[in-house]
Amino acid sequence: MRPALSRLPLFGRGSWPEARRIADVLRTETVGGLLLVGAALVALVWANTPWREAYFALGALQVGPGALHLDLATWAADGLLAIFFFVVGVELKREFVAGDLRDPRRAALPIVAAVGGMTAPAVIFVLVNAGTDAVVGWAVPTATDIAFAVAVLAVLGTHLPTALRLFLLTLAVVDDLLAITIIALFYTDSLDPAALLLALLPLALFGFLVQRRVRAWWVLLPLAALTWFLVHESGVHATVAGVLLGFTVPVRDRTRRDGRVQPGLAEGFEHRIRPLSAGFAVPVFAFFAAGVSLADSGGLASLTERVTVGVVLGLVVGKVVGVLGGTWLTQRFTRARLADGLSWWDVFGVSLLAGIGFTVSLLIGELAFGGGTAAADHATIGVLTASLIAALLAAVVLRIRNAHYRRIAAEEARDDDADGVPDVYQTRPDPDGA
């Protein structure tokens, strides 16, 4: 009999295949996060030198067909981030269809925490900016940047337990999905229904082919590009196409009538595309999005602008309130308990990490206020400031517990029978589901 929901521990250790996969994912995201931070720093420094006009001219350089009216900065936001959101779509489907989170009991926590972690920041931003046109940017502080967060963990050298890392990854993926939904619903200025309906044709054909396990890039890539183009022309932000394409990718193995097993394509797609997303697409977007001239934005006075304050409080305070509060409510109403070895201090530290908003927050800032406007610059300054504050606070909180995390990491790596599977993943769970 499966353990009752009320007896399932929060942040309980999952299966070994899932833990191994998450470790591989986070290694890629760590490298990508360091590149992202590096690209953002280069952009920020360049945008505040006497040669800043060259930086902004580079972003405004028109590239591609004239009918698209896309410059380099827009290509990075509309084109490269579609790759990022494709990976998000595949990852989310994989987690909830074939991963440990296919169990609703395990999925409930990151979903509730993600919803809380988006609602509280939005409410705080609205309260700070009530009565002004800037309230349109309410969604800016709602997204967590997993690459930036795991890069912080890598710099800290913390041995955060696998369950908390999985929670952070899933939380970020879920709120990325919620963010792209917000973009589609609230940041679409004009809609061309015909182009949107036409986009369903290459999308459906792409889905049909991948379900048939077709892997030929020269067949799939043109269909993906056509889907992206039609979504872009419809007025809906083109990154939505990436998520929709990701959702079509099969994640489960399938047994044919002749007994042969056809593996899902998700693992292969992620293996090829995630490094491109983390190592190129996101850092290039960060390079064009993070460059803001402090002199042109009012200098230190920009830190007191209501948009900036709303974003900072939303990410640093709102994320903690939402994520920590959502976790507490899950515990309260299911009567679950924290897994052995973990405390609410650990949840607090992860909630602070969730306040690192970067990629999607910068994207929403551009969509809400328009690139190059004062409000957009203030939103960018707010995102950068909040991410730095959240990272520093998380560093303090998590380093206090790092010796304890080391002991948990040693336990999770112990393999006395040398079979390649750590012993903790082979131990029969207790009757309470721990």
Protein backbone atom coordinates (compact mmCIF):
# COMPACT_ATOMS: atom_id res chain seq x y z
CA MET A 1 0.00 0.00 0.00
CA ARG A 2 1.26 3.46 -0.87
CA PRO A 3 1.94 5.72 2.13
CA ALA A 4 -0.75 8.26 2.81
CA LEU A 5 -0.15 11.80 1.64
CA SER A 6 -0.09 13.00 5.23
CA ARG A 7 2.81 10.63 5.97
CA LEU A 8 4.94 11.45 2.93
CA PRO A 9 7.90 13.61 4.03
CA LEU A 10 8.56 16.94 2.37
CA PHE A 11 11.84 16.93 0.43
CA GLY A 12 12.09 13.16 0.72
CA ARG A 13 14.85 11.48 -1.26
CA GLY A 14 13.65 10.37 -4.70
CA SER A 15 14.85 7.57 -6.95
CA TRP A 16 18.47 7.04 -7.97
CA PRO A 17 17.86 7.48 -11.75
CA GLU A 18 16.18 10.81 -11.05
CA ALA A 19 18.95 11.94 -8.69
CA ARG A 20 21.61 11.03 -11.26
CA ARG A 21 19.77 12.85 -14.04
CA ILE A 22 19.28 15.96 -11.93
CA ALA A 23 22.99 15.98 -11.08
CA ASP A 24 23.83 15.93 -14.80
CA VAL A 25 21.35 18.71 -15.52
CA LEU A 26 22.69 20.92 -12.74
CA ARG A 27 26.28 20.46 -13.91
CA THR A 28 25.30 21.87 -17.29
CA GLU A 29 23.31 24.67 -15.68
CA THR A 30 26.24 25.53 -13.41
CA VAL A 31 28.52 26.12 -16.38
CA GLY A 32 25.76 28.03 -18.12
CA GLY A 33 25.12 30.10 -15.01
CA LEU A 34 28.75 31.15 -14.76
CA LEU A 35 28.71 32.13 -18.44
CA LEU A 36 25.46 34.03 -17.87
CA VAL A 37 26.91 35.99 -14.97
CA GLY A 38 30.07 36.69 -16.95
CA ALA A 39 28.09 37.93 -19.98
CA ALA A 40 25.95 40.17 -17.79
CA LEU A 41 29.01 41.68 -16.10
CA VAL A 42 30.66 42.40 -19.46
CA ALA A 43 27.47 44.09 -20.68
CA LEU A 44 27.05 46.12 -17.49
CA VAL A 45 30.66 47.32 -17.54
CA TRP A 46 30.60 48.13 -21.27
CA ALA A 47 27.32 50.04 -20.93
CA ASN A 48 28.92 52.27 -18.30
CA THR A 49 32.11 53.18 -20.16
CA PRO A 50 32.76 56.04 -22.58
CA TRP A 51 32.24 53.47 -25.35
CA ARG A 52 28.68 52.60 -24.30
CA GLU A 53 27.22 53.91 -27.56
CA ALA A 54 28.99 51.08 -29.37
CA TYR A 55 27.31 48.56 -27.06
CA PHE A 56 23.82 49.94 -27.70
CA ALA A 57 24.54 50.24 -31.44
CA LEU A 58 25.50 46.56 -31.51
CA GLY A 59 22.19 45.55 -29.95
CA ALA A 60 20.30 47.75 -32.44
CA LEU A 61 22.05 46.25 -35.48
CA GLN A 62 19.40 44.95 -37.90
CA VAL A 63 19.93 41.32 -38.92
CA GLY A 64 17.86 39.04 -41.11
CA PRO A 65 14.88 39.65 -43.41
CA GLY A 66 13.69 43.24 -43.31
CA ALA A 67 10.08 42.10 -42.96
CA LEU A 68 10.85 40.77 -39.48
CA HIS A 69 12.32 44.08 -38.25
CA LEU A 70 14.58 42.24 -35.80
CA ASP A 71 17.83 43.60 -34.40
CA LEU A 72 20.45 41.56 -32.55
CA ALA A 73 18.95 42.25 -29.13
CA THR A 74 15.48 41.22 -30.34
CA TRP A 75 16.85 38.10 -32.00
CA ALA A 76 18.38 37.18 -28.65
CA ALA A 77 15.06 37.69 -26.83
CA ASP A 78 12.71 36.23 -29.44
CA GLY A 79 14.95 33.66 -31.10
CA LEU A 80 17.57 32.38 -28.68
CA LEU A 81 15.21 32.32 -25.71
CA ALA A 82 12.88 30.09 -27.75
CA ILE A 83 15.64 27.47 -27.45
CA PHE A 84 15.73 28.02 -23.69
CA PHE A 85 11.96 27.60 -23.42
CA PHE A 86 12.06 24.48 -25.60
CA VAL A 87 14.33 22.91 -22.98
CA VAL A 88 11.94 24.14 -20.25
CA GLY A 89 9.02 22.45 -22.03
CA VAL A 90 10.87 19.15 -22.42
CA GLU A 91 12.13 19.26 -18.82
CA LEU A 92 8.70 19.99 -17.40
CA LYS A 93 7.03 17.22 -19.39
CA ARG A 94 9.77 14.78 -18.45
CA GLU A 95 9.46 15.58 -14.75
CA PHE A 96 5.67 15.27 -14.58
CA VAL A 97 5.20 12.39 -17.04
CA ALA A 98 8.22 10.13 -16.54
CA GLY A 99 10.09 11.49 -13.50
CA ASP A 100 9.49 11.24 -9.77
CA LEU A 101 7.00 14.11 -9.98
CA ARG A 102 4.51 11.98 -11.89
CA ASP A 103 3.39 11.09 -8.37
CA PRO A 104 0.94 13.89 -7.47
CA ARG A 105 2.08 13.72 -3.86
CA ARG A 106 5.61 14.72 -4.83
CA ALA A 107 4.49 17.21 -7.47
CA ALA A 108 2.23 19.15 -5.11
CA LEU A 109 5.04 20.84 -3.16
CA PRO A 110 6.98 22.51 -6.02
CA ILE A 111 3.74 23.53 -7.75
CA VAL A 112 2.29 25.17 -4.63
CA ALA A 113 5.65 26.78 -3.82
CA ALA A 114 6.00 28.07 -7.40
CA VAL A 115 2.52 29.58 -7.39
CA GLY A 116 3.19 31.22 -4.03
CA GLY A 117 6.60 32.34 -5.24
CA MET A 118 4.99 34.14 -8.18
CA THR A 119 1.93 35.54 -6.42
CA ALA A 120 3.64 37.24 -3.48
CA PRO A 121 6.23 39.13 -5.60
CA ALA A 122 3.51 40.30 -7.99
CA VAL A 123 1.37 41.57 -5.11
CA ILE A 124 4.32 43.43 -3.58
CA PHE A 125 5.20 45.06 -6.89
CA VAL A 126 1.59 46.17 -7.42
CA LEU A 127 1.42 47.63 -3.89
CA VAL A 128 4.63 49.61 -4.43
CA ASN A 129 3.57 50.88 -7.86
CA ALA A 130 -0.17 51.27 -7.30
CA GLY A 131 -1.64 54.28 -9.06
CA THR A 132 1.13 54.53 -11.68
CA ASP A 133 1.49 53.25 -15.24
CA ALA A 134 4.41 51.13 -14.02
CA VAL A 135 1.99 48.63 -12.50
CA VAL A 136 2.00 46.94 -15.91
CA GLY A 137 5.34 45.43 -14.88
CA TRP A 138 3.80 43.35 -12.09
CA ALA A 139 5.19 40.10 -13.54
CA VAL A 140 8.85 41.22 -13.63
CA PRO A 141 9.79 39.82 -10.18
CA THR A 142 7.98 36.50 -10.57
CA ALA A 143 10.57 34.18 -12.17
CA THR A 144 13.54 32.31 -10.68
CA ASP A 145 16.71 31.86 -12.75
CA ILE A 146 17.95 28.32 -12.11
CA ALA A 147 21.25 28.80 -13.97
CA PHE A 148 22.17 31.84 -11.87
CA ALA A 149 21.06 30.05 -8.68
CA VAL A 150 23.14 26.92 -9.24
CA ALA A 151 26.10 29.08 -10.25
CA VAL A 152 25.83 30.68 -6.81
CA LEU A 153 25.81 27.21 -5.26
CA ALA A 154 28.91 26.30 -7.26
CA VAL A 155 30.76 29.42 -6.11
CA LEU A 156 29.73 28.76 -2.51
CA GLY A 157 30.87 25.16 -2.72
CA THR A 158 27.81 24.14 -0.74
CA HIS A 159 26.72 20.50 -0.67
CA LEU A 160 23.00 21.21 -0.78
CA PRO A 161 21.09 17.90 -0.49
CA THR A 162 19.81 16.37 -3.73
CA ALA A 163 16.17 16.73 -2.69
CA LEU A 164 16.55 20.48 -2.18
CA ARG A 165 18.36 20.85 -5.50
CA LEU A 166 15.56 18.96 -7.25
CA PHE A 167 13.02 21.20 -5.51
CA LEU A 168 14.85 24.34 -6.67
CA LEU A 169 15.14 23.05 -10.25
CA THR A 170 11.49 22.02 -10.43
CA LEU A 171 10.34 25.26 -8.81
CA ALA A 172 12.27 27.27 -11.42
CA VAL A 173 10.94 25.18 -14.32
CA VAL A 174 7.33 25.48 -13.11
CA ASP A 175 7.52 29.23 -12.65
CA ASP A 176 9.19 29.54 -16.08
CA LEU A 177 6.11 27.81 -17.50
CA LEU A 178 3.81 30.11 -15.54
CA ALA A 179 5.87 33.09 -16.72
CA ILE A 180 5.57 32.14 -20.39
CA THR A 181 1.81 31.74 -19.85
CA ILE A 182 1.72 35.25 -18.38
CA ILE A 183 3.69 36.56 -21.36
CA ALA A 184 1.23 34.96 -23.80
CA LEU A 185 -1.86 36.21 -21.96
CA PHE A 186 -0.85 39.64 -20.68
CA TYR A 187 1.99 40.88 -22.88
CA THR A 188 0.51 40.30 -26.33
CA ASP A 189 -0.28 43.73 -27.78
CA SER A 190 -1.99 42.59 -30.98
CA LEU A 191 -3.10 39.17 -32.12
CA ASP A 192 -3.35 37.74 -35.63
CA PRO A 193 -5.59 34.66 -35.19
CA ALA A 194 -4.89 33.43 -38.72
CA ALA A 195 -1.11 33.26 -38.19
CA LEU A 196 -1.64 31.60 -34.80
CA LEU A 197 -3.91 28.94 -36.32
CA LEU A 198 -1.44 28.37 -39.15
CA ALA A 199 1.29 27.79 -36.57
CA LEU A 200 -0.63 24.75 -35.36
CA LEU A 201 0.04 22.97 -38.68
CA PRO A 202 3.88 22.74 -38.50
CA LEU A 203 3.59 22.27 -34.72
CA ALA A 204 1.28 19.28 -35.20
CA LEU A 205 3.52 17.81 -37.91
CA PHE A 206 6.58 18.28 -35.68
CA GLY A 207 4.72 16.51 -32.86
CA PHE A 208 3.62 13.67 -35.14
CA LEU A 209 7.17 13.07 -36.36
CA VAL A 210 8.82 13.10 -32.94
CA GLN A 211 6.11 10.76 -31.63
CA ARG A 212 7.14 8.46 -34.50
CA ARG A 213 10.72 8.80 -33.16
CA VAL A 214 11.97 10.75 -36.18
CA ARG A 215 15.30 12.37 -35.24
CA ALA A 216 16.44 13.89 -38.55
CA TRP A 217 17.33 17.51 -37.81
CA TRP A 218 16.91 18.51 -41.45
CA VAL A 219 13.23 17.52 -41.15
CA LEU A 220 12.46 18.77 -37.63
CA LEU A 221 14.41 22.04 -37.63
CA PRO A 222 12.52 23.64 -40.58
CA LEU A 223 9.19 22.72 -38.95
CA ALA A 224 10.32 24.22 -35.65
CA ALA A 225 11.53 27.38 -37.42
CA LEU A 226 8.22 27.71 -39.31
CA THR A 227 6.28 27.30 -36.06
CA TRP A 228 8.44 29.98 -34.43
CA PHE A 229 7.96 32.35 -37.39
CA LEU A 230 4.17 31.99 -37.44
CA VAL A 231 3.88 32.45 -33.67
CA HIS A 232 6.09 35.55 -33.97
CA GLU A 233 3.90 36.92 -36.76
CA SER A 234 0.74 36.23 -34.74
CA GLY A 235 1.73 38.80 -32.14
CA VAL A 236 2.24 36.24 -29.37
CA HIS A 237 5.82 36.30 -28.07
CA ALA A 238 7.84 33.85 -30.14
CA THR A 239 9.29 32.08 -27.08
CA VAL A 240 5.86 30.49 -26.58
CA ALA A 241 6.63 28.38 -29.67
CA GLY A 242 9.60 26.86 -27.85
CA VAL A 243 7.48 25.61 -24.95
CA LEU A 244 4.81 24.20 -27.28
CA LEU A 245 7.41 22.34 -29.35
CA GLY A 246 9.00 20.99 -26.16
CA PHE A 247 5.66 19.62 -24.98
CA THR A 248 5.36 17.46 -28.11
CA VAL A 249 8.59 15.52 -27.44
CA PRO A 250 7.94 11.96 -26.17
CA VAL A 251 9.53 11.27 -22.80
CA ARG A 252 8.57 7.63 -22.23
CA ASP A 253 9.87 4.47 -23.82
CA ARG A 254 7.41 2.66 -26.07
CA THR A 255 7.29 -1.08 -26.76
CA ARG A 256 6.45 -1.97 -30.36
CA ARG A 257 4.40 -4.97 -31.41
CA ASP A 258 7.59 -6.82 -32.36
CA GLY A 259 8.83 -6.39 -28.79
CA ARG A 260 11.46 -3.76 -29.61
CA VAL A 261 11.63 -0.79 -27.25
CA GLN A 262 11.62 2.70 -28.75
CA PRO A 263 13.12 5.13 -26.23
CA GLY A 264 11.62 8.56 -25.72
CA LEU A 265 13.46 11.41 -27.42
CA ALA A 266 13.57 13.72 -24.41
CA GLU A 267 16.95 12.54 -23.14
CA GLY A 268 18.59 12.85 -26.55
CA PHE A 269 17.06 16.25 -27.22
CA GLU A 270 18.14 17.57 -23.82
CA HIS A 271 21.64 16.15 -24.26
CA ARG A 272 22.07 18.05 -27.52
CA ILE A 273 20.10 21.24 -26.90
CA ARG A 274 20.57 22.00 -23.19
CA PRO A 275 24.29 22.86 -23.63
CA LEU A 276 23.33 25.16 -26.53
CA SER A 277 20.69 26.81 -24.36
CA ALA A 278 22.77 27.13 -21.19
CA GLY A 279 26.12 27.81 -22.85
CA PHE A 280 25.09 30.14 -25.68
CA ALA A 281 21.43 31.20 -25.93
CA VAL A 282 20.93 32.44 -22.37
CA PRO A 283 24.35 34.13 -21.97
CA VAL A 284 23.91 35.98 -25.29
CA PHE A 285 20.47 37.16 -24.20
CA ALA A 286 21.92 38.27 -20.86
CA PHE A 287 24.64 40.19 -22.68
CA PHE A 288 22.09 42.25 -24.61
CA ALA A 289 19.53 42.54 -21.81
CA ALA A 290 21.69 43.36 -18.78
CA GLY A 291 23.57 46.32 -20.22
CA VAL A 292 22.06 49.41 -18.61
CA SER A 293 23.78 52.79 -18.34
CA LEU A 294 23.54 53.95 -14.74
CA ALA A 295 24.41 57.51 -15.75
CA ASP A 296 21.58 57.62 -18.29
CA SER A 297 19.16 56.02 -15.80
CA GLY A 298 19.70 58.53 -12.98
CA GLY A 299 22.70 56.98 -11.21
CA LEU A 300 22.20 55.88 -7.60
CA ALA A 301 18.90 57.76 -7.55
CA SER A 302 17.49 55.00 -9.79
CA LEU A 303 17.63 52.67 -6.78
CA THR A 304 14.83 54.68 -5.17
CA GLU A 305 12.55 54.60 -8.22
CA ARG A 306 9.29 52.80 -7.53
CA VAL A 307 9.85 50.28 -10.31
CA THR A 308 13.28 49.41 -8.93
CA VAL A 309 12.03 49.16 -5.36
CA GLY A 310 9.06 47.04 -6.42
CA VAL A 311 11.29 44.57 -8.27
CA VAL A 312 13.84 44.34 -5.44
CA LEU A 313 11.22 43.81 -2.74
CA GLY A 314 9.31 41.41 -4.97
CA LEU A 315 12.29 39.16 -5.58
CA VAL A 316 14.08 39.39 -2.22
CA VAL A 317 11.06 39.51 0.11
CA GLY A 318 8.20 38.23 -2.06
CA LYS A 319 9.96 35.06 -3.16
CA VAL A 320 10.79 34.11 0.43
CA VAL A 321 7.24 34.81 1.58
CA GLY A 322 5.73 32.91 -1.35
CA VAL A 323 8.03 29.88 -1.48
CA LEU A 324 8.43 29.47 2.26
CA GLY A 325 4.74 30.17 2.81
CA GLY A 326 3.68 27.73 0.11
CA THR A 327 5.87 25.02 1.62
CA TRP A 328 4.48 25.69 5.10
CA LEU A 329 0.90 25.55 3.82
CA THR A 330 1.64 22.23 2.11
CA GLN A 331 3.01 20.91 5.38
CA ARG A 332 0.11 22.36 7.35
CA PHE A 333 -2.73 20.98 5.25
CA THR A 334 -1.19 17.59 4.45
CA ARG A 335 0.33 17.17 7.91
CA ALA A 336 3.52 16.04 6.21
CA ARG A 337 6.86 16.49 7.91
CA LEU A 338 10.24 17.57 6.66
CA ALA A 339 12.54 14.73 5.65
CA ASP A 340 15.09 13.61 8.23
CA GLY A 341 18.12 15.86 8.42
CA LEU A 342 16.37 18.95 7.02
CA SER A 343 14.97 21.96 8.82
CA TRP A 344 12.99 25.09 7.99
CA TRP A 345 16.29 26.97 7.96
CA ASP A 346 17.19 24.94 4.84
CA VAL A 347 13.87 25.81 3.21
CA PHE A 348 14.51 29.46 4.04
CA GLY A 349 17.90 29.29 2.30
CA VAL A 350 16.41 27.77 -0.85
CA SER A 351 13.64 30.39 -0.78
CA LEU A 352 16.32 33.08 -0.82
CA LEU A 353 17.95 31.40 -3.82
CA ALA A 354 14.58 31.51 -5.56
CA GLY A 355 14.82 35.30 -5.33
CA ILE A 356 17.55 35.26 -7.98
CA GLY A 357 15.56 36.37 -10.99
CA PHE A 358 17.39 37.10 -14.19
CA THR A 359 16.67 35.74 -17.66
CA VAL A 360 12.86 35.67 -17.67
CA SER A 361 12.60 38.71 -15.39
CA LEU A 362 14.68 40.76 -17.83
CA LEU A 363 12.56 39.51 -20.72
CA ILE A 364 9.31 40.50 -19.02
CA GLY A 365 10.77 43.89 -18.14
CA GLU A 366 11.45 44.56 -21.82
CA LEU A 367 7.98 43.39 -22.83
CA ALA A 368 6.20 45.35 -20.11
CA PHE A 369 7.99 48.68 -20.49
CA GLY A 370 9.56 48.56 -23.93
CA GLY A 371 13.28 48.26 -24.60
CA GLY A 372 15.33 51.41 -24.02
CA THR A 373 12.76 53.20 -21.83
CA ALA A 374 13.57 54.60 -18.39
CA ALA A 375 11.13 52.19 -16.74
CA ALA A 376 12.78 49.23 -18.50
CA ASP A 377 16.18 50.39 -17.29
CA HIS A 378 14.86 50.72 -13.74
CA ALA A 379 13.40 47.20 -13.96
CA THR A 380 16.79 45.88 -15.13
CA ILE A 381 18.57 47.66 -12.28
CA GLY A 382 16.02 46.17 -9.89
CA VAL A 383 16.56 42.64 -11.22
CA LEU A 384 20.36 42.95 -11.01
CA THR A 385 20.24 44.46 -7.53
CA ALA A 386 17.74 41.94 -6.21
CA SER A 387 19.67 38.98 -7.64
CA LEU A 388 22.86 40.19 -5.98
CA ILE A 389 21.13 40.72 -2.61
CA ALA A 390 19.35 37.34 -2.79
CA ALA A 391 22.61 35.58 -3.69
CA LEU A 392 24.49 37.19 -0.78
CA LEU A 393 21.74 36.41 1.74
CA ALA A 394 21.46 32.82 0.49
CA ALA A 395 25.23 32.49 0.79
CA VAL A 396 25.12 33.47 4.45
CA VAL A 397 22.20 31.17 5.30
CA LEU A 398 23.40 28.10 3.39
CA ARG A 399 27.03 28.34 4.46
CA ILE A 400 25.94 28.14 8.09
CA ARG A 401 24.55 24.66 7.36
CA ASN A 402 27.26 23.55 4.94
CA ALA A 403 28.98 21.17 7.39
CA HIS A 404 25.64 19.43 7.88
CA TYR A 405 25.13 19.29 4.10
CA ARG A 406 28.54 17.67 3.72
CA ARG A 407 27.47 14.84 6.01
CA ILE A 408 24.27 14.31 4.02
CA ALA A 409 26.25 14.38 0.75
CA ALA A 410 28.67 11.75 2.10
CA GLU A 411 25.72 9.57 3.09
CA GLU A 412 24.10 9.99 -0.32
CA ALA A 413 27.39 8.99 -2.06
CA ARG A 414 28.17 5.93 0.11
CA ASP A 415 28.24 2.69 -1.91
CA ASP A 416 29.50 -0.14 0.29
CA ASP A 417 28.52 -2.89 -2.15
CA ALA A 418 30.24 -1.07 -5.07
CA ASP A 419 27.34 -1.68 -7.44
CA GLY A 420 27.28 1.88 -8.72
CA VAL A 421 24.09 2.80 -6.84
CA PRO A 422 24.46 4.62 -3.50
CA ASP A 423 23.16 2.56 -0.61
CA VAL A 424 20.58 5.14 0.52
CA TYR A 425 18.68 4.61 -2.73
CA GLN A 426 18.47 0.87 -2.09
CA THR A 427 17.16 1.08 1.46
CA ARG A 428 13.57 0.01 1.90
CA PRO A 429 11.47 3.03 2.91
CA ASP A 430 9.99 3.04 6.39
CA PRO A 431 6.24 2.66 6.91
CA ASP A 432 5.87 6.44 7.09
CA GLY A 433 7.25 6.87 3.59
CA ALA A 434 10.60 8.40 4.54
